[in-house]
C-alpha atoms as a PDB file:
ATOM      1  CA  UNK A   1     -41.513 -38.694  -9.449  1.00  0.00           C
ATOM      2  CA  UNK A   2     -39.762 -35.830  -7.667  1.00  0.00           C
ATOM      3  CA  UNK A   3     -42.033 -33.550  -5.662  1.00  0.00           C
ATOM      4  CA  UNK A   4     -39.406 -31.057  -4.456  1.00  0.00           C
ATOM      5  CA  UNK A   5     -36.563 -29.344  -6.283  1.00  0.00           C
ATOM      6  CA  UNK A   6     -33.846 -26.958  -5.042  1.00  0.00           C
ATOM      7  CA  UNK A   7     -31.701 -25.176  -7.619  1.00  0.00           C
ATOM      8  CA  UNK A   8     -28.282 -23.852  -6.595  1.00  0.00           C
ATOM      9  CA  UNK A   9     -28.259 -20.417  -8.189  1.00  0.00           C
ATOM     10  CA  UNK A  10     -25.773 -17.624  -7.590  1.00  0.00           C
ATOM     11  CA  UNK A  11     -25.291 -14.084  -6.281  1.00  0.00           C
ATOM     12  CA  UNK A  12     -24.162 -13.319  -9.828  1.00  0.00           C
ATOM     13  CA  UNK A  13     -27.763 -12.981 -11.016  1.00  0.00           C
ATOM     14  CA  UNK A  14     -27.608  -9.489  -9.466  1.00  0.00           C
ATOM     15  CA  UNK A  15     -25.773  -6.412 -10.684  1.00  0.00           C
ATOM     16  CA  UNK A  16     -22.190  -6.328  -9.451  1.00  0.00           C
ATOM     17  CA  UNK A  17     -22.479  -3.078  -7.542  1.00  0.00           C
ATOM     18  CA  UNK A  18     -25.753  -2.032  -5.928  1.00  0.00           C
ATOM     19  CA  UNK A  19     -23.844  -0.384  -3.077  1.00  0.00           C
ATOM     20  CA  UNK A  20     -25.833  -2.302  -0.444  1.00  0.00           C
ATOM     21  CA  UNK A  21     -26.843  -5.889   0.396  1.00  0.00           C
ATOM     22  CA  UNK A  22     -29.011  -7.241  -2.423  1.00  0.00           C
ATOM     23  CA  UNK A  23     -32.570  -8.338  -1.739  1.00  0.00           C
ATOM     24  CA  UNK A  24     -34.626 -10.872  -3.636  1.00  0.00           C
ATOM     25  CA  UNK A  25     -36.884  -8.031  -4.800  1.00  0.00           C
ATOM     26  CA  UNK A  26     -33.973  -6.360  -6.607  1.00  0.00           C
ATOM     27  CA  UNK A  27     -34.215  -6.823 -10.351  1.00  0.00           C
ATOM     28  CA  UNK A  28     -31.731  -9.385 -11.655  1.00  0.00           C
ATOM     29  CA  UNK A  29     -29.037  -7.797 -13.820  1.00  0.00           C
ATOM     30  CA  UNK A  30     -26.234 -10.298 -14.425  1.00  0.00           C
ATOM     31  CA  UNK A  31     -23.065  -8.914 -16.000  1.00  0.00           C
ATOM     32  CA  UNK A  32     -21.410 -12.257 -16.763  1.00  0.00           C
ATOM     33  CA  UNK A  33     -22.413 -15.245 -18.847  1.00  0.00           C
ATOM     34  CA  UNK A  34     -22.266 -17.378 -15.701  1.00  0.00           C
ATOM     35  CA  UNK A  35     -24.747 -15.107 -13.924  1.00  0.00           C
ATOM     36  CA  UNK A  36     -26.943 -15.109 -17.021  1.00  0.00           C
ATOM     37  CA  UNK A  37     -26.895 -18.920 -17.115  1.00  0.00           C
ATOM     38  CA  UNK A  38     -27.965 -19.067 -13.463  1.00  0.00           C
ATOM     39  CA  UNK A  39     -30.811 -16.608 -14.102  1.00  0.00           C
ATOM     40  CA  UNK A  40     -31.935 -18.749 -17.046  1.00  0.00           C
ATOM     41  CA  UNK A  41     -31.771 -21.807 -14.782  1.00  0.00           C
ATOM     42  CA  UNK A  42     -34.079 -20.086 -12.282  1.00  0.00           C
ATOM     43  CA  UNK A  43     -36.554 -19.415 -15.096  1.00  0.00           C
ATOM     44  CA  UNK A  44     -36.485 -23.071 -16.160  1.00  0.00           C
ATOM     45  CA  UNK A  45     -37.091 -24.154 -12.544  1.00  0.00           C
ATOM     46  CA  UNK A  46     -40.109 -21.823 -12.216  1.00  0.00           C
ATOM     47  CA  UNK A  47     -41.533 -22.953 -15.549  1.00  0.00           C
ATOM     48  CA  UNK A  48     -41.109 -26.667 -14.890  1.00  0.00           C
ATOM     49  CA  UNK A  49     -42.340 -26.455 -11.297  1.00  0.00           C
ATOM     50  CA  UNK A  50     -45.529 -24.782 -12.478  1.00  0.00           C
ATOM     51  CA  UNK A  51     -45.959 -27.199 -15.373  1.00  0.00           C
ATOM     52  CA  UNK A  52     -45.333 -30.335 -13.296  1.00  0.00           C
ATOM     53  CA  UNK A  53     -46.971 -29.170 -10.084  1.00  0.00           C
ATOM     54  CA  UNK A  54     -43.908 -29.606  -7.873  1.00  0.00           C
ATOM     55  CA  UNK A  55     -42.541 -27.393  -5.110  1.00  0.00           C
ATOM     56  CA  UNK A  56     -39.295 -25.650  -6.026  1.00  0.00           C
ATOM     57  CA  UNK A  57     -36.999 -22.814  -5.076  1.00  0.00           C
ATOM     58  CA  UNK A  58     -33.701 -21.301  -6.228  1.00  0.00           C
ATOM     59  CA  UNK A  59     -31.025 -20.464  -3.669  1.00  0.00           C
ATOM     60  CA  UNK A  60     -28.876 -17.510  -4.700  1.00  0.00           C
ATOM     61  CA  UNK A  61     -25.635 -18.515  -3.014  1.00  0.00           C
ATOM     62  CA  UNK A  62     -22.717 -16.163  -2.383  1.00  0.00           C
ATOM     63  CA  UNK A  63     -19.008 -16.895  -2.951  1.00  0.00           C
ATOM     64  CA  UNK A  64     -18.116 -20.215  -1.322  1.00  0.00           C
ATOM     65  CA  UNK A  65     -14.995 -21.112   0.616  1.00  0.00           C
ATOM     66  CA  UNK A  66     -14.078 -24.595   1.730  1.00  0.00           C
ATOM     67  CA  UNK A  67     -12.875 -27.920   0.375  1.00  0.00           C
ATOM     68  CA  UNK A  68     -13.097 -27.934  -3.412  1.00  0.00           C
ATOM     69  CA  UNK A  69     -13.447 -24.162  -3.840  1.00  0.00           C
ATOM     70  CA  UNK A  70     -10.687 -24.167  -6.464  1.00  0.00           C
ATOM     71  CA  UNK A  71      -9.018 -21.114  -4.878  1.00  0.00           C
ATOM     72  CA  UNK A  72     -11.741 -18.934  -6.379  1.00  0.00           C
ATOM     73  CA  UNK A  73     -12.487 -15.628  -4.713  1.00  0.00           C
ATOM     74  CA  UNK A  74     -10.399 -13.190  -2.715  1.00  0.00           C
ATOM     75  CA  UNK A  75     -10.583 -15.037   0.600  1.00  0.00           C
ATOM     76  CA  UNK A  76      -9.399 -18.353  -0.866  1.00  0.00           C
ATOM     77  CA  UNK A  77      -6.477 -16.636  -2.608  1.00  0.00           C
ATOM     78  CA  UNK A  78      -5.558 -14.701   0.547  1.00  0.00           C
ATOM     79  CA  UNK A  79      -5.723 -17.935   2.543  1.00  0.00           C
ATOM     80  CA  UNK A  80      -3.202 -19.650   0.304  1.00  0.00           C
ATOM     81  CA  UNK A  81      -0.843 -16.671   0.564  1.00  0.00           C
ATOM     82  CA  UNK A  82      -1.198 -16.612   4.350  1.00  0.00           C
ATOM     83  CA  UNK A  83      -0.652 -20.346   4.620  1.00  0.00           C
ATOM     84  CA  UNK A  84       2.668 -20.052   2.799  1.00  0.00           C
ATOM     85  CA  UNK A  85       3.803 -17.162   4.983  1.00  0.00           C
ATOM     86  CA  UNK A  86       2.617 -14.290   2.835  1.00  0.00           C
ATOM     87  CA  UNK A  87       2.540 -11.653   1.788  1.00  0.00           C
ATOM     88  CA  UNK A  88      -1.196 -11.109   1.391  1.00  0.00           C
ATOM     89  CA  UNK A  89      -1.476  -8.461  -1.303  1.00  0.00           C
ATOM     90  CA  UNK A  90      -4.422  -6.055  -1.182  1.00  0.00           C
ATOM     91  CA  UNK A  91      -4.918  -3.572  -3.997  1.00  0.00           C
ATOM     92  CA  UNK A  92      -5.477  -0.076  -2.639  1.00  0.00           C
ATOM     93  CA  UNK A  93      -7.211   0.245   0.716  1.00  0.00           C
ATOM     94  CA  UNK A  94      -9.296  -2.900   0.219  1.00  0.00           C
ATOM     95  CA  UNK A  95     -12.632  -1.180   0.785  1.00  0.00           C
ATOM     96  CA  UNK A  96     -14.611  -3.220  -1.765  1.00  0.00           C
ATOM     97  CA  UNK A  97     -17.151  -5.533  -0.107  1.00  0.00           C
ATOM     98  CA  UNK A  98     -17.570  -9.242  -0.829  1.00  0.00           C
ATOM     99  CA  UNK A  99     -19.880 -11.895   0.621  1.00  0.00           C
ATOM    100  CA  UNK A 100     -18.247 -15.225   1.487  1.00  0.00           C
ATOM    101  CA  UNK A 101     -19.883 -18.361   2.899  1.00  0.00           C
ATOM    102  CA  UNK A 102     -18.565 -21.690   4.175  1.00  0.00           C
ATOM    103  CA  UNK A 103     -19.621 -24.627   1.985  1.00  0.00           C
ATOM    104  CA  UNK A 104     -21.160 -26.382   5.010  1.00  0.00           C
ATOM    105  CA  UNK A 105     -23.511 -23.458   5.595  1.00  0.00           C
ATOM    106  CA  UNK A 106     -24.498 -23.615   1.922  1.00  0.00           C
ATOM    107  CA  UNK A 107     -25.221 -27.336   2.032  1.00  0.00           C
ATOM    108  CA  UNK A 108     -27.278 -26.863   5.212  1.00  0.00           C
ATOM    109  CA  UNK A 109     -29.401 -24.256   3.410  1.00  0.00           C
ATOM    110  CA  UNK A 110     -30.180 -26.793   0.690  1.00  0.00           C
ATOM    111  CA  UNK A 111     -31.279 -29.399   3.245  1.00  0.00           C
ATOM    112  CA  UNK A 112     -33.450 -26.840   5.039  1.00  0.00           C
ATOM    113  CA  UNK A 113     -35.011 -25.729   1.754  1.00  0.00           C
ATOM    114  CA  UNK A 114     -35.889 -29.322   0.835  1.00  0.00           C
ATOM    115  CA  UNK A 115     -37.455 -29.841   4.266  1.00  0.00           C
ATOM    116  CA  UNK A 116     -39.411 -26.588   4.014  1.00  0.00           C
ATOM    117  CA  UNK A 117     -40.731 -27.512   0.558  1.00  0.00           C
ATOM    118  CA  UNK A 118     -42.279 -30.617   2.119  1.00  0.00           C
ATOM    119  CA  UNK A 119     -44.843 -28.663   4.083  1.00  0.00           C
ATOM    120  CA  UNK A 120     -44.937 -24.945   3.308  1.00  0.00           C
ATOM    121  CA  UNK A 121     -44.914 -22.433   0.498  1.00  0.00           C
ATOM    122  CA  UNK A 122     -41.341 -21.320  -0.083  1.00  0.00           C
ATOM    123  CA  UNK A 123     -40.338 -18.186  -2.043  1.00  0.00           C
ATOM    124  CA  UNK A 124     -39.145 -18.847  -5.589  1.00  0.00           C
ATOM    125  CA  UNK A 125     -35.732 -17.269  -4.884  1.00  0.00           C
ATOM    126  CA  UNK A 126     -33.845 -16.968  -1.599  1.00  0.00           C
ATOM    127  CA  UNK A 127     -30.477 -15.345  -0.868  1.00  0.00           C
ATOM    128  CA  UNK A 128     -27.898 -17.451   0.973  1.00  0.00           C
ATOM    129  CA  UNK A 129     -24.854 -15.462   2.076  1.00  0.00           C
ATOM    130  CA  UNK A 130     -22.365 -15.015   4.865  1.00  0.00           C
ATOM    131  CA  UNK A 131     -22.504 -11.242   5.197  1.00  0.00           C
ATOM    132  CA  UNK A 132     -20.545  -8.510   3.474  1.00  0.00           C
ATOM    133  CA  UNK A 133     -16.937  -7.898   4.499  1.00  0.00           C
ATOM    134  CA  UNK A 134     -14.341  -5.567   3.064  1.00  0.00           C
ATOM    135  CA  UNK A 135     -11.413  -6.995   1.125  1.00  0.00           C
ATOM    136  CA  UNK A 136      -9.158  -5.679   3.907  1.00  0.00           C
ATOM    137  CA  UNK A 137     -11.223  -7.623   6.467  1.00  0.00           C
ATOM    138  CA  UNK A 138     -10.969 -10.812   4.385  1.00  0.00           C
ATOM    139  CA  UNK A 139      -7.176 -10.386   4.306  1.00  0.00           C
ATOM    140  CA  UNK A 140      -7.155 -10.072   8.103  1.00  0.00           C
ATOM    141  CA  UNK A 141      -9.297 -13.222   8.433  1.00  0.00           C
ATOM    142  CA  UNK A 142      -6.858 -15.165   6.242  1.00  0.00           C
ATOM    143  CA  UNK A 143      -3.878 -13.946   8.286  1.00  0.00           C
ATOM    144  CA  UNK A 144      -5.570 -14.875  11.563  1.00  0.00           C
ATOM    145  CA  UNK A 145      -6.505 -18.334  10.289  1.00  0.00           C
ATOM    146  CA  UNK A 146      -2.850 -18.976   9.464  1.00  0.00           C
ATOM    147  CA  UNK A 147      -1.724 -17.772  12.888  1.00  0.00           C
ATOM    148  CA  UNK A 148      -0.347 -14.416  11.736  1.00  0.00           C
ATOM    149  CA  UNK A 149      -1.130 -10.781  12.379  1.00  0.00           C
ATOM    150  CA  UNK A 150      -1.764  -7.937   9.990  1.00  0.00           C
ATOM    151  CA  UNK A 151       1.984  -7.597   9.308  1.00  0.00           C
ATOM    152  CA  UNK A 152       1.427 -10.178   6.564  1.00  0.00           C
ATOM    153  CA  UNK A 153      -0.832  -7.771   4.644  1.00  0.00           C
ATOM    154  CA  UNK A 154       0.689  -5.499   2.010  1.00  0.00           C
ATOM    155  CA  UNK A 155      -1.228  -2.797   0.179  1.00  0.00           C
ATOM    156  CA  UNK A 156      -0.340  -1.895  -3.395  1.00  0.00           C
ATOM    157  CA  UNK A 157      -1.065   1.530  -4.805  1.00  0.00           C
ATOM    158  CA  UNK A 158      -3.847   1.989  -7.344  1.00  0.00           C
ATOM    159  CA  UNK A 159      -5.242   4.930  -9.271  1.00  0.00           C
ATOM    160  CA  UNK A 160      -8.697   3.340  -9.331  1.00  0.00           C
ATOM    161  CA  UNK A 161      -9.800   2.087  -5.928  1.00  0.00           C
ATOM    162  CA  UNK A 162     -12.449  -0.647  -6.209  1.00  0.00           C
ATOM    163  CA  UNK A 163     -15.417   0.498  -4.125  1.00  0.00           C
ATOM    164  CA  UNK A 164     -17.916  -2.096  -5.354  1.00  0.00           C
ATOM    165  CA  UNK A 165     -20.279  -3.698  -2.874  1.00  0.00           C
ATOM    166  CA  UNK A 166     -21.359  -7.294  -3.436  1.00  0.00           C
ATOM    167  CA  UNK A 167     -23.314  -8.843  -0.580  1.00  0.00           C
ATOM    168  CA  UNK A 168     -26.651 -10.497   0.057  1.00  0.00           C
ATOM    169  CA  UNK A 169     -29.487  -9.654   2.433  1.00  0.00           C
ATOM    170  CA  UNK A 170     -30.481 -13.006   3.978  1.00  0.00           C
ATOM    171  CA  UNK A 171     -33.519 -11.966   6.040  1.00  0.00           C
ATOM    172  CA  UNK A 172     -35.795 -14.060   3.826  1.00  0.00           C
ATOM    173  CA  UNK A 173     -33.653 -17.162   4.382  1.00  0.00           C
ATOM    174  CA  UNK A 174     -34.015 -16.668   8.130  1.00  0.00           C
ATOM    175  CA  UNK A 175     -37.795 -16.265   8.023  1.00  0.00           C
ATOM    176  CA  UNK A 176     -38.632 -18.828   5.327  1.00  0.00           C
ATOM    177  CA  UNK A 177     -36.069 -21.530   6.122  1.00  0.00           C
ATOM    178  CA  UNK A 178     -34.852 -20.783   9.637  1.00  0.00           C
ATOM    179  CA  UNK A 179     -31.375 -20.480   8.129  1.00  0.00           C
ATOM    180  CA  UNK A 180     -28.474 -18.233   9.010  1.00  0.00           C
ATOM    181  CA  UNK A 181     -24.725 -18.731   8.606  1.00  0.00           C
ATOM    182  CA  UNK A 182     -23.092 -20.530  11.508  1.00  0.00           C
ATOM    183  CA  UNK A 183     -19.478 -21.184  10.485  1.00  0.00           C
ATOM    184  CA  UNK A 184     -16.932 -18.489  11.349  1.00  0.00           C
ATOM    185  CA  UNK A 185     -14.663 -17.776   8.377  1.00  0.00           C
ATOM    186  CA  UNK A 186     -11.459 -18.282  10.369  1.00  0.00           C
ATOM    187  CA  UNK A 187     -12.701 -21.755  11.295  1.00  0.00           C
ATOM    188  CA  UNK A 188     -13.813 -22.268   7.685  1.00  0.00           C
ATOM    189  CA  UNK A 189     -10.278 -21.679   6.399  1.00  0.00           C
ATOM    190  CA  UNK A 190      -8.702 -23.941   8.997  1.00  0.00           C
ATOM    191  CA  UNK A 191     -11.180 -26.696   8.138  1.00  0.00           C
ATOM    192  CA  UNK A 192     -10.380 -26.170   4.449  1.00  0.00           C
ATOM    193  CA  UNK A 193      -6.651 -26.676   5.093  1.00  0.00           C
ATOM    194  CA  UNK A 194      -7.186 -29.807   7.205  1.00  0.00           C
ATOM    195  CA  UNK A 195      -9.509 -31.304   4.607  1.00  0.00           C
ATOM    196  CA  UNK A 196      -7.131 -30.495   1.737  1.00  0.00           C
ATOM    197  CA  UNK A 197      -4.130 -31.979   3.575  1.00  0.00           C
END
């Protein structure tokens, strides 16, 4: 009896290094089995929505941080190091770019998508991200959240600097859903620590 369906997909349906924020028009090119499974899930959603005549969309969500994140992703790992007094270890200069989003912003996007599906045509896939930041910047955010300065950050030498860029263009989310990220990542980490306490 459902008339609306929102699938939580992932940024990992895209190639890992386009060198710029990824758009929904970019061809999916997952390079992990997880990303492949999410792309398959999107296909199932499109097929079933068409077959059953329901409104549906897939939200391609970036790396999440917040309660229950399992310490996955650079920011979550940096946060735990900062919380214990450091050091926060960054490989090389930390120029690689990652897109991190508070879990509350992600859940709000799902609610907005369900509401939008009630009355309007919604694109089949929509990016939901917090904006690209360098690994160095994420380390600084973690240090600030824990009440420290950049003295907590240590860089280790590498012969192969990671210059990959993994972020999402969220213009479609703004126009189709009226969504944009609202939670500052420093506040996100502090909320995570309070909730986990």
